[in-house]
Amino acid sequence: MVSNNRNTLLENISFTGHKNVLATNRSTLEVTTENFLTLRGDCIIGVNASKSCEKLSERTKSWLQKDDHRVLIRIEVANESFLLTAFGSAKLTHTNDISMVIRKSDFTCHRTLAIKASASAIDIPRTIVALLRKEALGSMQIYAVP
């Protein structure tokens, strides 16, 4: 367990960019364990993710499966980083074995990591997107916000 001021690190997920990363979706952001990406996946920012929703620690799932528990999500690529916040919900199941989706809406399904996010794929700085399109390595840290 690592603390960042008041926030506690729950998960660190690694992923790889892909030449087809668009990051233009206005409502979601996704990473997938799959090793391919078509241009239809406009919310996907990374492939070959080290974890899917199903593989999250029980500690992370427990935090996120409570209404209004907040998380800070930090996306890092090379020397660039991007922060967003999102919330948990008692409706989350975290059972998908392929991907994890962060949503601006309150929609939940087995692929949903968190809801009511402050940002989506379109909000990621284009400098980060450019690095991801060059297949740079990235990471996504999820912090519990008390």
C-alpha atoms as a PDB file:
ATOM      1  CA  MET A   1       0.000   0.000   0.000  1.00  0.00           C
ATOM      2  CA  VAL A   2       1.479   3.311  -1.106  1.00  0.00           C
ATOM      3  CA  SER A   3       0.137   6.660   0.021  1.00  0.00           C
ATOM      4  CA  ASN A   4       0.267   9.831  -2.053  1.00  0.00           C
ATOM      5  CA  ASN A   5      -0.442  12.542   0.537  1.00  0.00           C
ATOM      6  CA  ARG A   6      -3.944  11.473   1.633  1.00  0.00           C
ATOM      7  CA  ASN A   7      -4.575   9.155  -1.311  1.00  0.00           C
ATOM      8  CA  THR A   8      -3.742   5.437  -1.200  1.00  0.00           C
ATOM      9  CA  LEU A   9      -2.517   3.566  -4.267  1.00  0.00           C
ATOM     10  CA  LEU A  10      -4.877   0.678  -5.012  1.00  0.00           C
ATOM     11  CA  GLU A  11      -3.665  -0.529  -8.419  1.00  0.00           C
ATOM     12  CA  ASN A  12      -0.977   0.075 -11.006  1.00  0.00           C
ATOM     13  CA  ILE A  13      -1.894  -1.172 -14.471  1.00  0.00           C
ATOM     14  CA  SER A  14       0.604  -1.155 -17.324  1.00  0.00           C
ATOM     15  CA  PHE A  15      -0.389  -0.994 -20.981  1.00  0.00           C
ATOM     16  CA  THR A  16       1.019  -0.269 -24.428  1.00  0.00           C
ATOM     17  CA  GLY A  17      -0.078   2.313 -26.924  1.00  0.00           C
ATOM     18  CA  HIS A  18      -1.094   1.357 -30.461  1.00  0.00           C
ATOM     19  CA  LYS A  19      -0.884   3.057 -33.862  1.00  0.00           C
ATOM     20  CA  ASN A  20      -4.713   3.184 -33.994  1.00  0.00           C
ATOM     21  CA  VAL A  21      -5.217   5.086 -30.715  1.00  0.00           C
ATOM     22  CA  LEU A  22      -7.605   7.953 -31.466  1.00  0.00           C
ATOM     23  CA  ALA A  23      -8.771   8.938 -27.966  1.00  0.00           C
ATOM     24  CA  THR A  24     -11.716  10.917 -29.348  1.00  0.00           C
ATOM     25  CA  ASN A  25     -14.586   9.435 -27.356  1.00  0.00           C
ATOM     26  CA  ARG A  26     -16.428  12.063 -25.295  1.00  0.00           C
ATOM     27  CA  SER A  27     -17.944   9.750 -22.699  1.00  0.00           C
ATOM     28  CA  THR A  28     -15.541   6.864 -21.998  1.00  0.00           C
ATOM     29  CA  LEU A  29     -11.900   5.867 -21.658  1.00  0.00           C
ATOM     30  CA  GLU A  30     -10.726   2.252 -21.890  1.00  0.00           C
ATOM     31  CA  VAL A  31      -7.697  -0.014 -21.621  1.00  0.00           C
ATOM     32  CA  THR A  32      -7.838  -3.600 -22.855  1.00  0.00           C
ATOM     33  CA  THR A  33      -5.827  -6.772 -22.388  1.00  0.00           C
ATOM     34  CA  GLU A  34      -6.266  -7.517 -26.086  1.00  0.00           C
ATOM     35  CA  ASN A  35      -3.266  -6.928 -28.336  1.00  0.00           C
ATOM     36  CA  PHE A  36      -5.101  -5.210 -31.190  1.00  0.00           C
ATOM     37  CA  LEU A  37      -7.110  -2.056 -31.756  1.00  0.00           C
ATOM     38  CA  THR A  38      -9.326  -1.072 -34.656  1.00  0.00           C
ATOM     39  CA  LEU A  39     -10.200   2.512 -35.527  1.00  0.00           C
ATOM     40  CA  ARG A  40     -13.706   1.878 -34.160  1.00  0.00           C
ATOM     41  CA  GLY A  41     -12.232   1.744 -30.625  1.00  0.00           C
ATOM     42  CA  ASP A  42     -12.098   5.514 -30.217  1.00  0.00           C
ATOM     43  CA  CYS A  43     -12.142   5.329 -26.411  1.00  0.00           C
ATOM     44  CA  ILE A  44      -9.265   2.834 -26.092  1.00  0.00           C
ATOM     45  CA  ILE A  45      -5.962   4.368 -25.073  1.00  0.00           C
ATOM     46  CA  GLY A  46      -3.978   1.179 -24.496  1.00  0.00           C
ATOM     47  CA  VAL A  47      -3.688  -2.497 -25.360  1.00  0.00           C
ATOM     48  CA  ASN A  48      -1.862  -5.385 -23.667  1.00  0.00           C
ATOM     49  CA  ALA A  49      -3.053  -4.096 -20.283  1.00  0.00           C
ATOM     50  CA  SER A  50      -1.643  -5.994 -17.331  1.00  0.00           C
ATOM     51  CA  LYS A  51      -5.119  -6.287 -15.773  1.00  0.00           C
ATOM     52  CA  SER A  52      -8.784  -6.297 -16.653  1.00  0.00           C
ATOM     53  CA  CYS A  53     -11.651  -5.514 -14.284  1.00  0.00           C
ATOM     54  CA  GLU A  54     -11.756  -9.151 -13.210  1.00  0.00           C
ATOM     55  CA  LYS A  55      -8.060  -9.160 -12.236  1.00  0.00           C
ATOM     56  CA  LEU A  56      -8.255  -6.128  -9.938  1.00  0.00           C
ATOM     57  CA  SER A  57      -7.374  -6.801  -6.321  1.00  0.00           C
ATOM     58  CA  GLU A  58     -10.214  -7.517  -3.923  1.00  0.00           C
ATOM     59  CA  ARG A  59      -9.186  -4.365  -2.082  1.00  0.00           C
ATOM     60  CA  THR A  60      -9.712  -2.249  -5.202  1.00  0.00           C
ATOM     61  CA  LYS A  61     -13.013  -3.914  -6.053  1.00  0.00           C
ATOM     62  CA  SER A  62     -14.225  -3.428  -2.500  1.00  0.00           C
ATOM     63  CA  TRP A  63     -13.391   0.286  -2.619  1.00  0.00           C
ATOM     64  CA  LEU A  64     -14.997   0.822  -6.018  1.00  0.00           C
ATOM     65  CA  GLN A  65     -18.122  -1.217  -5.285  1.00  0.00           C
ATOM     66  CA  LYS A  66     -19.365   1.327  -2.781  1.00  0.00           C
ATOM     67  CA  ASP A  67     -21.562   4.246  -3.748  1.00  0.00           C
ATOM     68  CA  ASP A  68     -19.709   7.529  -4.031  1.00  0.00           C
ATOM     69  CA  HIS A  69     -16.269   6.205  -3.113  1.00  0.00           C
ATOM     70  CA  ARG A  70     -13.918   8.415  -5.100  1.00  0.00           C
ATOM     71  CA  VAL A  71     -10.757   7.517  -6.986  1.00  0.00           C
ATOM     72  CA  LEU A  72      -8.003   9.565  -8.559  1.00  0.00           C
ATOM     73  CA  ILE A  73      -6.705   8.012 -11.770  1.00  0.00           C
ATOM     74  CA  ARG A  74      -3.287   8.992 -13.076  1.00  0.00           C
ATOM     75  CA  ILE A  75      -2.331   8.074 -16.627  1.00  0.00           C
ATOM     76  CA  GLU A  76       1.396   8.234 -17.317  1.00  0.00           C
ATOM     77  CA  VAL A  77       3.140   7.918 -20.664  1.00  0.00           C
ATOM     78  CA  ALA A  78       6.841   8.738 -20.926  1.00  0.00           C
ATOM     79  CA  ASN A  79       7.291  11.958 -18.901  1.00  0.00           C
ATOM     80  CA  GLU A  80       3.689  13.072 -19.413  1.00  0.00           C
ATOM     81  CA  SER A  81       0.777  12.500 -17.067  1.00  0.00           C
ATOM     82  CA  PHE A  82      -2.953  13.168 -16.931  1.00  0.00           C
ATOM     83  CA  LEU A  83      -5.243  13.096 -13.888  1.00  0.00           C
ATOM     84  CA  LEU A  84      -8.954  12.477 -13.617  1.00  0.00           C
ATOM     85  CA  THR A  85     -11.356  11.585 -10.850  1.00  0.00           C
ATOM     86  CA  ALA A  86     -14.186   9.073 -10.888  1.00  0.00           C
ATOM     87  CA  PHE A  87     -16.551   7.334  -8.494  1.00  0.00           C
ATOM     88  CA  GLY A  88     -17.496   3.850  -7.458  1.00  0.00           C
ATOM     89  CA  SER A  89     -20.969   2.350  -7.260  1.00  0.00           C
ATOM     90  CA  ALA A  90     -22.631  -0.569  -5.510  1.00  0.00           C
ATOM     91  CA  LYS A  91     -23.806  -1.601  -9.007  1.00  0.00           C
ATOM     92  CA  LEU A  92     -20.267  -2.328 -10.237  1.00  0.00           C
ATOM     93  CA  THR A  93     -19.313  -6.009 -10.621  1.00  0.00           C
ATOM     94  CA  HIS A  94     -15.806  -5.811 -12.142  1.00  0.00           C
ATOM     95  CA  THR A  95     -16.199  -9.232 -13.785  1.00  0.00           C
ATOM     96  CA  ASN A  96     -14.970  -8.566 -17.330  1.00  0.00           C
ATOM     97  CA  ASP A  97     -11.797 -10.482 -18.148  1.00  0.00           C
ATOM     98  CA  ILE A  98     -10.733  -8.336 -21.120  1.00  0.00           C
ATOM     99  CA  SER A  99     -11.005  -4.626 -20.398  1.00  0.00           C
ATOM    100  CA  MET A 100     -11.850  -1.792 -18.048  1.00  0.00           C
ATOM    101  CA  VAL A 101     -13.896   1.265 -18.946  1.00  0.00           C
ATOM    102  CA  ILE A 102     -14.051   4.583 -17.115  1.00  0.00           C
ATOM    103  CA  ARG A 103     -17.329   6.400 -17.830  1.00  0.00           C
ATOM    104  CA  LYS A 104     -18.471  10.011 -17.471  1.00  0.00           C
ATOM    105  CA  SER A 105     -22.047   8.741 -17.113  1.00  0.00           C
ATOM    106  CA  ASP A 106     -23.437   6.590 -14.311  1.00  0.00           C
ATOM    107  CA  PHE A 107     -23.969   3.582 -16.619  1.00  0.00           C
ATOM    108  CA  THR A 108     -22.571   0.343 -15.227  1.00  0.00           C
ATOM    109  CA  CYS A 109     -21.852  -3.065 -16.742  1.00  0.00           C
ATOM    110  CA  HIS A 110     -19.297  -5.838 -16.180  1.00  0.00           C
ATOM    111  CA  ARG A 111     -16.669  -3.785 -18.092  1.00  0.00           C
ATOM    112  CA  THR A 112     -17.068  -0.614 -16.004  1.00  0.00           C
ATOM    113  CA  LEU A 113     -14.186   0.319 -13.707  1.00  0.00           C
ATOM    114  CA  ALA A 114     -15.650   3.589 -12.399  1.00  0.00           C
ATOM    115  CA  ILE A 115     -18.387   6.124 -13.202  1.00  0.00           C
ATOM    116  CA  LYS A 116     -19.068   9.878 -13.088  1.00  0.00           C
ATOM    117  CA  ALA A 117     -15.546  10.557 -14.344  1.00  0.00           C
ATOM    118  CA  SER A 118     -14.238  14.084 -14.697  1.00  0.00           C
ATOM    119  CA  ALA A 119     -12.753  13.256 -18.123  1.00  0.00           C
ATOM    120  CA  SER A 120     -12.884  10.841 -21.036  1.00  0.00           C
ATOM    121  CA  ALA A 121     -10.531   9.870 -23.868  1.00  0.00           C
ATOM    122  CA  ILE A 122     -11.042  13.164 -25.745  1.00  0.00           C
ATOM    123  CA  ASP A 123      -9.697  15.098 -22.740  1.00  0.00           C
ATOM    124  CA  ILE A 124      -6.303  13.392 -22.737  1.00  0.00           C
ATOM    125  CA  PRO A 125      -3.641  15.843 -23.927  1.00  0.00           C
ATOM    126  CA  ARG A 126      -2.754  15.281 -27.566  1.00  0.00           C
ATOM    127  CA  THR A 127       0.934  15.056 -26.614  1.00  0.00           C
ATOM    128  CA  ILE A 128       0.106  11.872 -24.667  1.00  0.00           C
ATOM    129  CA  VAL A 129      -2.068  10.554 -27.502  1.00  0.00           C
ATOM    130  CA  ALA A 130       0.813  11.114 -29.944  1.00  0.00           C
ATOM    131  CA  LEU A 131       3.114   9.057 -27.720  1.00  0.00           C
ATOM    132  CA  LEU A 132       0.502   6.301 -27.472  1.00  0.00           C
ATOM    133  CA  ARG A 133       0.164   6.243 -31.268  1.00  0.00           C
ATOM    134  CA  LYS A 134       3.922   5.527 -31.347  1.00  0.00           C
ATOM    135  CA  GLU A 135       3.217   2.478 -29.141  1.00  0.00           C
ATOM    136  CA  ALA A 136       4.798   3.981 -26.020  1.00  0.00           C
ATOM    137  CA  LEU A 137       4.447   2.179 -22.721  1.00  0.00           C
ATOM    138  CA  GLY A 138       1.940   3.639 -20.308  1.00  0.00           C
ATOM    139  CA  SER A 139       0.544   3.072 -16.860  1.00  0.00           C
ATOM    140  CA  MET A 140      -2.645   3.862 -15.014  1.00  0.00           C
ATOM    141  CA  GLN A 141      -2.551   4.228 -11.249  1.00  0.00           C
ATOM    142  CA  ILE A 142      -5.778   4.118  -9.272  1.00  0.00           C
ATOM    143  CA  TYR A 143      -5.755   5.906  -5.911  1.00  0.00           C
ATOM    144  CA  ALA A 144      -8.439   5.756  -3.236  1.00  0.00           C
ATOM    145  CA  VAL A 145      -9.468   9.263  -2.213  1.00  0.00           C
ATOM    146  CA  PRO A 146     -10.716   9.392   1.392  1.00  0.00           C
END
